[in-house]
Amino acid sequence: GVDKNGNVANYVETEQLIHVHNHTLSFIQTRGSVPVFWSQIG
């Protein structure tokens, strides 16, 4: 879940860069826990 500052658990930003013929392209994907207050016990 999320904390009181809006940070989500296990957040990862992945960027894919491709450079060809003097051009650079970027694609960014982020992932993280659902940003609500939740947990799993056990």
ModelCIF file with pLDDT and N, C-alpha, C, O atoms, coordinates in Angstrom:
data_MODEL
#
_entry.id   MODEL 
#
_entity.id                         1 
_entity.type                       polymer 
_entity.pdbx_number_of_molecules   1 
#
_entity_poly.entity_id                      1 
_entity_poly.type                           'polypeptide(L)' 
_entity_poly.nstd_linkage                   no 
_entity_poly.nstd_monomer                   no 
_entity_poly.pdbx_seq_one_letter_code       GVDKNGNVANYVETEQLIHVHNHTLSFIQTRGSVPVFWSQIG 
_entity_poly.pdbx_seq_one_letter_code_can   GVDKNGNVANYVETEQLIHVHNHTLSFIQTRGSVPVFWSQIG 
_entity_poly.pdbx_strand_id                 A 
#
loop_
_entity_poly_seq.entity_id 
_entity_poly_seq.num 
_entity_poly_seq.mon_id 
_entity_poly_seq.hetero 
1 1  GLY n 
1 2  VAL n 
1 3  ASP n 
1 4  LYS n 
1 5  ASN n 
1 6  GLY n 
1 7  ASN n 
1 8  VAL n 
1 9  ALA n 
1 10 ASN n 
1 11 TYR n 
1 12 VAL n 
1 13 GLU n 
1 14 THR n 
1 15 GLU n 
1 16 GLN n 
1 17 LEU n 
1 18 ILE n 
1 19 HIS n 
1 20 VAL n 
1 21 HIS n 
1 22 ASN n 
1 23 HIS n 
1 24 THR n 
1 25 LEU n 
1 26 SER n 
1 27 PHE n 
1 28 ILE n 
1 29 GLN n 
1 30 THR n 
1 31 ARG n 
1 32 GLY n 
1 33 SER n 
1 34 VAL n 
1 35 PRO n 
1 36 VAL n 
1 37 PHE n 
1 38 TRP n 
1 39 SER n 
1 40 GLN n 
1 41 ILE n 
1 42 GLY n 
#
_struct_asym.id          A 
_struct_asym.entity_id   1 
#
loop_
_ma_qa_metric.id 
_ma_qa_metric.mode 
_ma_qa_metric.name 
_ma_qa_metric.software_group_id 
_ma_qa_metric.type 
1 global pLDDT . pLDDT 
2 local  pLDDT . pLDDT 
#
_ma_qa_metric_global.metric_id      1 
_ma_qa_metric_global.metric_value   93.19 
_ma_qa_metric_global.model_id       1 
_ma_qa_metric_global.ordinal_id     1 
#
loop_
_ma_qa_metric_local.label_asym_id 
_ma_qa_metric_local.label_comp_id 
_ma_qa_metric_local.label_seq_id 
_ma_qa_metric_local.metric_id 
_ma_qa_metric_local.metric_value 
_ma_qa_metric_local.model_id 
_ma_qa_metric_local.ordinal_id 
A GLY 1  2 93.00 1 1  
A VAL 2  2 95.00 1 2  
A ASP 3  2 95.00 1 3  
A LYS 4  2 95.00 1 4  
A ASN 5  2 96.00 1 5  
A GLY 6  2 95.00 1 6  
A ASN 7  2 96.00 1 7  
A VAL 8  2 96.00 1 8  
A ALA 9  2 94.00 1 9  
A ASN 10 2 92.00 1 10 
A TYR 11 2 94.00 1 11 
A VAL 12 2 95.00 1 12 
A GLU 13 2 96.00 1 13 
A THR 14 2 97.00 1 14 
A GLU 15 2 96.00 1 15 
A GLN 16 2 97.00 1 16 
A LEU 17 2 96.00 1 17 
A ILE 18 2 95.00 1 18 
A HIS 19 2 94.00 1 19 
A VAL 20 2 90.00 1 20 
A HIS 21 2 87.00 1 21 
A ASN 22 2 87.00 1 22 
A HIS 23 2 92.00 1 23 
A THR 24 2 95.00 1 24 
A LEU 25 2 95.00 1 25 
A SER 26 2 95.00 1 26 
A PHE 27 2 95.00 1 27 
A ILE 28 2 95.00 1 28 
A GLN 29 2 96.00 1 29 
A THR 30 2 95.00 1 30 
A ARG 31 2 94.00 1 31 
A GLY 32 2 94.00 1 32 
A SER 33 2 94.00 1 33 
A VAL 34 2 95.00 1 34 
A PRO 35 2 96.00 1 35 
A VAL 36 2 96.00 1 36 
A PHE 37 2 96.00 1 37 
A TRP 38 2 93.00 1 38 
A SER 39 2 90.00 1 39 
A GLN 40 2 85.00 1 40 
A ILE 41 2 81.00 1 41 
A GLY 42 2 71.00 1 42 
#
loop_
_atom_site.group_PDB 
_atom_site.id 
_atom_site.type_symbol 
_atom_site.label_atom_id 
_atom_site.label_alt_id 
_atom_site.label_comp_id 
_atom_site.label_asym_id 
_atom_site.label_entity_id 
_atom_site.label_seq_id 
_atom_site.pdbx_PDB_ins_code 
_atom_site.Cartn_x 
_atom_site.Cartn_y 
_atom_site.Cartn_z 
_atom_site.occupancy 
_atom_site.B_iso_or_equiv 
_atom_site.pdbx_formal_charge 
_atom_site.auth_seq_id 
_atom_site.auth_comp_id 
_atom_site.auth_asym_id 
_atom_site.auth_atom_id 
_atom_site.pdbx_PDB_model_num 
ATOM 1   N N  . GLY A 1 1  ? 0.770  -1.226  0.000   1.00 93.00 ? 1  GLY A N  1 
ATOM 2   C CA . GLY A 1 1  ? 0.000  0.000   0.000   1.00 93.00 ? 1  GLY A CA 1 
ATOM 3   C C  . GLY A 1 1  ? 0.806  1.283   0.000   1.00 93.00 ? 1  GLY A C  1 
ATOM 4   O O  . GLY A 1 1  ? 1.950  1.329   -0.454  1.00 93.00 ? 1  GLY A O  1 
ATOM 5   N N  . VAL A 1 2  ? 0.175  2.324   0.524   1.00 95.00 ? 2  VAL A N  1 
ATOM 6   C CA . VAL A 1 2  ? 0.702  3.687   0.503   1.00 95.00 ? 2  VAL A CA 1 
ATOM 7   C C  . VAL A 1 2  ? 0.982  4.136   1.934   1.00 95.00 ? 2  VAL A C  1 
ATOM 8   O O  . VAL A 1 2  ? 0.392  3.617   2.882   1.00 95.00 ? 2  VAL A O  1 
ATOM 9   N N  . ASP A 1 3  ? 1.895  5.113   2.088   1.00 95.00 ? 3  ASP A N  1 
ATOM 10  C CA . ASP A 1 3  ? 2.118  5.690   3.422   1.00 95.00 ? 3  ASP A CA 1 
ATOM 11  C C  . ASP A 1 3  ? 1.518  7.093   3.469   1.00 95.00 ? 3  ASP A C  1 
ATOM 12  O O  . ASP A 1 3  ? 0.936  7.554   2.487   1.00 95.00 ? 3  ASP A O  1 
ATOM 13  N N  . LYS A 1 4  ? 1.656  7.766   4.599   1.00 95.00 ? 4  LYS A N  1 
ATOM 14  C CA . LYS A 1 4  ? 1.027  9.082   4.787   1.00 95.00 ? 4  LYS A CA 1 
ATOM 15  C C  . LYS A 1 4  ? 1.599  10.159  3.873   1.00 95.00 ? 4  LYS A C  1 
ATOM 16  O O  . LYS A 1 4  ? 1.002  11.226  3.732   1.00 95.00 ? 4  LYS A O  1 
ATOM 17  N N  . ASN A 1 5  ? 2.767  9.893   3.242   1.00 96.00 ? 5  ASN A N  1 
ATOM 18  C CA . ASN A 1 5  ? 3.381  10.865  2.321   1.00 96.00 ? 5  ASN A CA 1 
ATOM 19  C C  . ASN A 1 5  ? 3.090  10.564  0.854   1.00 96.00 ? 5  ASN A C  1 
ATOM 20  O O  . ASN A 1 5  ? 3.551  11.288  -0.029  1.00 96.00 ? 5  ASN A O  1 
ATOM 21  N N  . GLY A 1 6  ? 2.334  9.508   0.588   1.00 95.00 ? 6  GLY A N  1 
ATOM 22  C CA . GLY A 1 6  ? 1.995  9.156   -0.788  1.00 95.00 ? 6  GLY A CA 1 
ATOM 23  C C  . GLY A 1 6  ? 3.001  8.220   -1.443  1.00 95.00 ? 6  GLY A C  1 
ATOM 24  O O  . GLY A 1 6  ? 2.917  7.980   -2.647  1.00 95.00 ? 6  GLY A O  1 
ATOM 25  N N  . ASN A 1 7  ? 3.947  7.686   -0.680  1.00 96.00 ? 7  ASN A N  1 
ATOM 26  C CA . ASN A 1 7  ? 4.911  6.721   -1.221  1.00 96.00 ? 7  ASN A CA 1 
ATOM 27  C C  . ASN A 1 7  ? 4.281  5.336   -1.198  1.00 96.00 ? 7  ASN A C  1 
ATOM 28  O O  . ASN A 1 7  ? 3.711  4.923   -0.188  1.00 96.00 ? 7  ASN A O  1 
ATOM 29  N N  . VAL A 1 8  ? 4.388  4.614   -2.321  1.00 96.00 ? 8  VAL A N  1 
ATOM 30  C CA . VAL A 1 8  ? 3.836  3.263   -2.364  1.00 96.00 ? 8  VAL A CA 1 
ATOM 31  C C  . VAL A 1 8  ? 4.941  2.240   -2.144  1.00 96.00 ? 8  VAL A C  1 
ATOM 32  O O  . VAL A 1 8  ? 6.112  2.498   -2.422  1.00 96.00 ? 8  VAL A O  1 
ATOM 33  N N  . ALA A 1 9  ? 4.553  1.095   -1.647  1.00 94.00 ? 9  ALA A N  1 
ATOM 34  C CA . ALA A 1 9  ? 5.501  0.018   -1.364  1.00 94.00 ? 9  ALA A CA 1 
ATOM 35  C C  . ALA A 1 9  ? 6.096  -0.531  -2.657  1.00 94.00 ? 9  ALA A C  1 
ATOM 36  O O  . ALA A 1 9  ? 5.417  -0.655  -3.677  1.00 94.00 ? 9  ALA A O  1 
ATOM 37  N N  . ASN A 1 10 ? 7.372  -0.851  -2.580  1.00 92.00 ? 10 ASN A N  1 
ATOM 38  C CA . ASN A 1 10 ? 8.088  -1.526  -3.670  1.00 92.00 ? 10 ASN A CA 1 
ATOM 39  C C  . ASN A 1 10 ? 7.927  -0.845  -5.030  1.00 92.00 ? 10 ASN A C  1 
ATOM 40  O O  . ASN A 1 10 ? 7.662  -1.497  -6.040  1.00 92.00 ? 10 ASN A O  1 
ATOM 41  N N  . TYR A 1 11 ? 8.091  0.468   -5.033  1.00 94.00 ? 11 TYR A N  1 
ATOM 42  C CA . TYR A 1 11 ? 7.972  1.280   -6.235  1.00 94.00 ? 11 TYR A CA 1 
ATOM 43  C C  . TYR A 1 11 ? 9.248  1.148   -7.076  1.00 94.00 ? 11 TYR A C  1 
ATOM 44  O O  . TYR A 1 11 ? 10.359 1.268   -6.558  1.00 94.00 ? 11 TYR A O  1 
ATOM 45  N N  . VAL A 1 12 ? 9.073  0.902   -8.367  1.00 95.00 ? 12 VAL A N  1 
ATOM 46  C CA . VAL A 1 12 ? 10.203 0.771   -9.286  1.00 95.00 ? 12 VAL A CA 1 
ATOM 47  C C  . VAL A 1 12 ? 9.902  1.566   -10.551 1.00 95.00 ? 12 VAL A C  1 
ATOM 48  O O  . VAL A 1 12 ? 8.808  1.479   -11.109 1.00 95.00 ? 12 VAL A O  1 
ATOM 49  N N  . GLU A 1 13 ? 10.889 2.340   -10.993 1.00 96.00 ? 13 GLU A N  1 
ATOM 50  C CA . GLU A 1 13 ? 10.804 3.042   -12.271 1.00 96.00 ? 13 GLU A CA 1 
ATOM 51  C C  . GLU A 1 13 ? 11.762 2.344   -13.231 1.00 96.00 ? 13 GLU A C  1 
ATOM 52  O O  . GLU A 1 13 ? 12.953 2.223   -12.944 1.00 96.00 ? 13 GLU A O  1 
ATOM 53  N N  . THR A 1 14 ? 11.246 1.885   -14.369 1.00 97.00 ? 14 THR A N  1 
ATOM 54  C CA . THR A 1 14 ? 12.079 1.227   -15.373 1.00 97.00 ? 14 THR A CA 1 
ATOM 55  C C  . THR A 1 14 ? 12.043 2.063   -16.640 1.00 97.00 ? 14 THR A C  1 
ATOM 56  O O  . THR A 1 14 ? 10.979 2.388   -17.166 1.00 97.00 ? 14 THR A O  1 
ATOM 57  N N  . GLU A 1 15 ? 13.236 2.404   -17.116 1.00 96.00 ? 15 GLU A N  1 
ATOM 58  C CA . GLU A 1 15 ? 13.363 3.205   -18.331 1.00 96.00 ? 15 GLU A CA 1 
ATOM 59  C C  . GLU A 1 15 ? 14.055 2.385   -19.401 1.00 96.00 ? 15 GLU A C  1 
ATOM 60  O O  . GLU A 1 15 ? 15.097 1.776   -19.159 1.00 96.00 ? 15 GLU A O  1 
ATOM 61  N N  . GLN A 1 16 ? 13.468 2.375   -20.583 1.00 97.00 ? 16 GLN A N  1 
ATOM 62  C CA . GLN A 1 16 ? 14.065 1.721   -21.739 1.00 97.00 ? 16 GLN A CA 1 
ATOM 63  C C  . GLN A 1 16 ? 14.514 2.827   -22.690 1.00 97.00 ? 16 GLN A C  1 
ATOM 64  O O  . GLN A 1 16 ? 13.711 3.657   -23.116 1.00 97.00 ? 16 GLN A O  1 
ATOM 65  N N  . LEU A 1 17 ? 15.792 2.829   -23.014 1.00 96.00 ? 17 LEU A N  1 
ATOM 66  C CA . LEU A 1 17 ? 16.350 3.814   -23.933 1.00 96.00 ? 17 LEU A CA 1 
ATOM 67  C C  . LEU A 1 17 ? 16.810 3.112   -25.201 1.00 96.00 ? 17 LEU A C  1 
ATOM 68  O O  . LEU A 1 17 ? 17.440 2.056   -25.137 1.00 96.00 ? 17 LEU A O  1 
ATOM 69  N N  . ILE A 1 18 ? 16.501 3.690   -26.341 1.00 95.00 ? 18 ILE A N  1 
ATOM 70  C CA . ILE A 1 18 ? 16.970 3.167   -27.617 1.00 95.00 ? 18 ILE A CA 1 
ATOM 71  C C  . ILE A 1 18 ? 17.631 4.311   -28.365 1.00 95.00 ? 18 ILE A C  1 
ATOM 72  O O  . ILE A 1 18 ? 17.037 5.371   -28.560 1.00 95.00 ? 18 ILE A O  1 
ATOM 73  N N  . HIS A 1 19 ? 18.869 4.082   -28.781 1.00 94.00 ? 19 HIS A N  1 
ATOM 74  C CA . HIS A 1 19 ? 19.616 5.101   -29.519 1.00 94.00 ? 19 HIS A CA 1 
ATOM 75  C C  . HIS A 1 19 ? 19.955 4.531   -30.898 1.00 94.00 ? 19 HIS A C  1 
ATOM 76  O O  . HIS A 1 19 ? 20.605 3.491   -31.003 1.00 94.00 ? 19 HIS A O  1 
ATOM 77  N N  . VAL A 1 20 ? 19.517 5.210   -31.943 1.00 90.00 ? 20 VAL A N  1 
ATOM 78  C CA . VAL A 1 20 ? 19.801 4.790   -33.317 1.00 90.00 ? 20 VAL A CA 1 
ATOM 79  C C  . VAL A 1 20 ? 19.857 6.033   -34.200 1.00 90.00 ? 20 VAL A C  1 
ATOM 80  O O  . VAL A 1 20 ? 19.036 6.938   -34.059 1.00 90.00 ? 20 VAL A O  1 
ATOM 81  N N  . HIS A 1 21 ? 20.821 6.073   -35.104 1.00 87.00 ? 21 HIS A N  1 
ATOM 82  C CA . HIS A 1 21 ? 20.976 7.186   -36.056 1.00 87.00 ? 21 HIS A CA 1 
ATOM 83  C C  . HIS A 1 21 ? 20.924 8.551   -35.364 1.00 87.00 ? 21 HIS A C  1 
ATOM 84  O O  . HIS A 1 21 ? 20.217 9.448   -35.822 1.00 87.00 ? 21 HIS A O  1 
ATOM 85  N N  . ASN A 1 22 ? 21.648 8.711   -34.292 1.00 87.00 ? 22 ASN A N  1 
ATOM 86  C CA . ASN A 1 22 ? 21.715 9.969   -33.540 1.00 87.00 ? 22 ASN A CA 1 
ATOM 87  C C  . ASN A 1 22 ? 20.380 10.408  -32.930 1.00 87.00 ? 22 ASN A C  1 
ATOM 88  O O  . ASN A 1 22 ? 20.199 11.583  -32.608 1.00 87.00 ? 22 ASN A O  1 
ATOM 89  N N  . HIS A 1 23 ? 19.469 9.484   -32.776 1.00 92.00 ? 23 HIS A N  1 
ATOM 90  C CA . HIS A 1 23 ? 18.194 9.760   -32.119 1.00 92.00 ? 23 HIS A CA 1 
ATOM 91  C C  . HIS A 1 23 ? 18.089 8.860   -30.888 1.00 92.00 ? 23 HIS A C  1 
ATOM 92  O O  . HIS A 1 23 ? 18.451 7.684   -30.933 1.00 92.00 ? 23 HIS A O  1 
ATOM 93  N N  . THR A 1 24 ? 17.596 9.421   -29.803 1.00 95.00 ? 24 THR A N  1 
ATOM 94  C CA . THR A 1 24 ? 17.401 8.634   -28.589 1.00 95.00 ? 24 THR A CA 1 
ATOM 95  C C  . THR A 1 24 ? 15.931 8.678   -28.198 1.00 95.00 ? 24 THR A C  1 
ATOM 96  O O  . THR A 1 24 ? 15.334 9.750   -28.098 1.00 95.00 ? 24 THR A O  1 
ATOM 97  N N  . LEU A 1 25 ? 15.363 7.510   -27.981 1.00 95.00 ? 25 LEU A N  1 
ATOM 98  C CA . LEU A 1 25 ? 13.967 7.382   -27.565 1.00 95.00 ? 25 LEU A CA 1 
ATOM 99  C C  . LEU A 1 25 ? 13.940 6.814   -26.154 1.00 95.00 ? 25 LEU A C  1 
ATOM 100 O O  . LEU A 1 25 ? 14.780 5.991   -25.790 1.00 95.00 ? 25 LEU A O  1 
ATOM 101 N N  . SER A 1 26 ? 12.980 7.254   -25.371 1.00 95.00 ? 26 SER A N  1 
ATOM 102 C CA . SER A 1 26 ? 12.866 6.780   -23.995 1.00 95.00 ? 26 SER A CA 1 
ATOM 103 C C  . SER A 1 26 ? 11.425 6.386   -23.714 1.00 95.00 ? 26 SER A C  1 
ATOM 104 O O  . SER A 1 26 ? 10.485 7.079   -24.104 1.00 95.00 ? 26 SER A O  1 
ATOM 105 N N  . PHE A 1 27 ? 11.271 5.249   -23.023 1.00 95.00 ? 27 PHE A N  1 
ATOM 106 C CA . PHE A 1 27 ? 9.960  4.813   -22.568 1.00 95.00 ? 27 PHE A CA 1 
ATOM 107 C C  . PHE A 1 27 ? 10.102 4.473   -21.092 1.00 95.00 ? 27 PHE A C  1 
ATOM 108 O O  . PHE A 1 27 ? 10.961 3.677   -20.713 1.00 95.00 ? 27 PHE A O  1 
ATOM 109 N N  . ILE A 1 28 ? 9.264  5.073   -20.265 1.00 95.00 ? 28 ILE A N  1 
ATOM 110 C CA . ILE A 1 28 ? 9.347  4.855   -18.825 1.00 95.00 ? 28 ILE A CA 1 
ATOM 111 C C  . ILE A 1 28 ? 8.079  4.177   -18.338 1.00 95.00 ? 28 ILE A C  1 
ATOM 112 O O  . ILE A 1 28 ? 6.963  4.571   -18.678 1.00 95.00 ? 28 ILE A O  1 
ATOM 113 N N  . GLN A 1 29 ? 8.284  3.149   -17.533 1.00 96.00 ? 29 GLN A N  1 
ATOM 114 C CA . GLN A 1 29 ? 7.182  2.415   -16.912 1.00 96.00 ? 29 GLN A CA 1 
ATOM 115 C C  . GLN A 1 29 ? 7.442  2.395   -15.409 1.00 96.00 ? 29 GLN A C  1 
ATOM 116 O O  . GLN A 1 29 ? 8.561  2.129   -14.969 1.00 96.00 ? 29 GLN A O  1 
ATOM 117 N N  . THR A 1 30 ? 6.416  2.675   -14.633 1.00 95.00 ? 30 THR A N  1 
ATOM 118 C CA . THR A 1 30 ? 6.553  2.602   -13.184 1.00 95.00 ? 30 THR A CA 1 
ATOM 119 C C  . THR A 1 30 ? 5.635  1.510   -12.661 1.00 95.00 ? 30 THR A C  1 
ATOM 120 O O  . THR A 1 30 ? 4.620  1.186   -13.278 1.00 95.00 ? 30 THR A O  1 
ATOM 121 N N  . ARG A 1 31 ? 6.000  0.952   -11.531 1.00 94.00 ? 31 ARG A N  1 
ATOM 122 C CA . ARG A 1 31 ? 5.142  -0.032  -10.891 1.00 94.00 ? 31 ARG A CA 1 
ATOM 123 C C  . ARG A 1 31 ? 5.272  0.124   -9.390  1.00 94.00 ? 31 ARG A C  1 
ATOM 124 O O  . ARG A 1 31 ? 6.293  0.586   -8.882  1.00 94.00 ? 31 ARG A O  1 
ATOM 125 N N  . GLY A 1 32 ? 4.249  -0.259  -8.711  1.00 94.00 ? 32 GLY A N  1 
ATOM 126 C CA . GLY A 1 32 ? 4.276  -0.200  -7.254  1.00 94.00 ? 32 GLY A CA 1 
ATOM 127 C C  . GLY A 1 32 ? 2.998  -0.774  -6.695  1.00 94.00 ? 32 GLY A C  1 
ATOM 128 O O  . GLY A 1 32 ? 2.096  -1.173  -7.433  1.00 94.00 ? 32 GLY A O  1 
ATOM 129 N N  . SER A 1 33 ? 2.936  -0.807  -5.406  1.00 94.00 ? 33 SER A N  1 
ATOM 130 C CA . SER A 1 33 ? 1.763  -1.331  -4.727  1.00 94.00 ? 33 SER A CA 1 
ATOM 131 C C  . SER A 1 33 ? 0.560  -0.417  -4.968  1.00 94.00 ? 33 SER A C  1 
ATOM 132 O O  . SER A 1 33 ? 0.721  0.772   -5.243  1.00 94.00 ? 33 SER A O  1 
ATOM 133 N N  . VAL A 1 34 ? -0.630 -0.973  -4.864  1.00 95.00 ? 34 VAL A N  1 
ATOM 134 C CA . VAL A 1 34 ? -1.859 -0.180  -5.019  1.00 95.00 ? 34 VAL A CA 1 
ATOM 135 C C  . VAL A 1 34 ? -1.849 0.927   -3.965  1.00 95.00 ? 34 VAL A C  1 
ATOM 136 O O  . VAL A 1 34 ? -1.694 0.641   -2.777  1.00 95.00 ? 34 VAL A O  1 
ATOM 137 N N  . PRO A 1 35 ? -2.014 2.203   -4.384  1.00 96.00 ? 35 PRO A N  1 
ATOM 138 C CA . PRO A 1 35 ? -1.870 3.336   -3.454  1.00 96.00 ? 35 PRO A CA 1 
ATOM 139 C C  . PRO A 1 35 ? -3.080 3.595   -2.557  1.00 96.00 ? 35 PRO A C  1 
ATOM 140 O O  . PRO A 1 35 ? -3.645 4.688   -2.555  1.00 96.00 ? 35 PRO A O  1 
ATOM 141 N N  . VAL A 1 36 ? -3.460 2.586   -1.808  1.00 96.00 ? 36 VAL A N  1 
ATOM 142 C CA . VAL A 1 36 ? -4.442 2.725   -0.736  1.00 96.00 ? 36 VAL A CA 1 
ATOM 143 C C  . VAL A 1 36 ? -3.826 2.070   0.499   1.00 96.00 ? 36 VAL A C  1 
ATOM 144 O O  . VAL A 1 36 ? -2.821 1.368   0.392   1.00 96.00 ? 36 VAL A O  1 
ATOM 145 N N  . PHE A 1 37 ? -4.413 2.291   1.650   1.00 96.00 ? 37 PHE A N  1 
ATOM 146 C CA . PHE A 1 37 ? -3.892 1.683   2.883   1.00 96.00 ? 37 PHE A CA 1 
ATOM 147 C C  . PHE A 1 37 ? -4.409 0.249   2.977   1.00 96.00 ? 37 PHE A C  1 
ATOM 148 O O  . PHE A 1 37 ? -5.581 0.009   3.264   1.00 96.00 ? 37 PHE A O  1 
ATOM 149 N N  . TRP A 1 38 ? -3.509 -0.690  2.729   1.00 93.00 ? 38 TRP A N  1 
ATOM 150 C CA . TRP A 1 38 ? -3.888 -2.101  2.812   1.00 93.00 ? 38 TRP A CA 1 
ATOM 151 C C  . TRP A 1 38 ? -2.692 -2.939  3.250   1.00 93.00 ? 38 TRP A C  1 
ATOM 152 O O  . TRP A 1 38 ? -1.545 -2.497  3.186   1.00 93.00 ? 38 TRP A O  1 
ATOM 153 N N  . SER A 1 39 ? -2.982 -4.140  3.688   1.00 90.00 ? 39 SER A N  1 
ATOM 154 C CA . SER A 1 39 ? -1.916 -5.026  4.155   1.00 90.00 ? 39 SER A CA 1 
ATOM 155 C C  . SER A 1 39 ? -2.340 -6.474  3.964   1.00 90.00 ? 39 SER A C  1 
ATOM 156 O O  . SER A 1 39 ? -3.491 -6.775  3.650   1.00 90.00 ? 39 SER A O  1 
ATOM 157 N N  . GLN A 1 40 ? -1.378 -7.353  4.164   1.00 85.00 ? 40 GLN A N  1 
ATOM 158 C CA . GLN A 1 40 ? -1.617 -8.792  4.174   1.00 85.00 ? 40 GLN A CA 1 
ATOM 159 C C  . GLN A 1 40 ? -0.897 -9.342  5.390   1.00 85.00 ? 40 GLN A C  1 
ATOM 160 O O  . GLN A 1 40 ? 0.311  -9.160  5.543   1.00 85.00 ? 40 GLN A O  1 
ATOM 161 N N  . ILE A 1 41 ? -1.633 -10.004 6.240   1.00 81.00 ? 41 ILE A N  1 
ATOM 162 C CA . ILE A 1 41 ? -1.082 -10.517 7.487   1.00 81.00 ? 41 ILE A CA 1 
ATOM 163 C C  . ILE A 1 41 ? -0.809 -12.014 7.345   1.00 81.00 ? 41 ILE A C  1 
ATOM 164 O O  . ILE A 1 41 ? -1.620 -12.759 6.795   1.00 81.00 ? 41 ILE A O  1 
ATOM 165 N N  . GLY A 1 42 ? 0.334  -12.430 7.846   1.00 71.00 ? 42 GLY A N  1 
ATOM 166 C CA . GLY A 1 42 ? 0.664  -13.851 7.848   1.00 71.00 ? 42 GLY A CA 1 
ATOM 167 C C  . GLY A 1 42 ? 1.694  -14.188 6.792   1.00 71.00 ? 42 GLY A C  1 
ATOM 168 O O  . GLY A 1 42 ? 2.085  -15.347 6.658   1.00 71.00 ? 42 GLY A O  1 
#
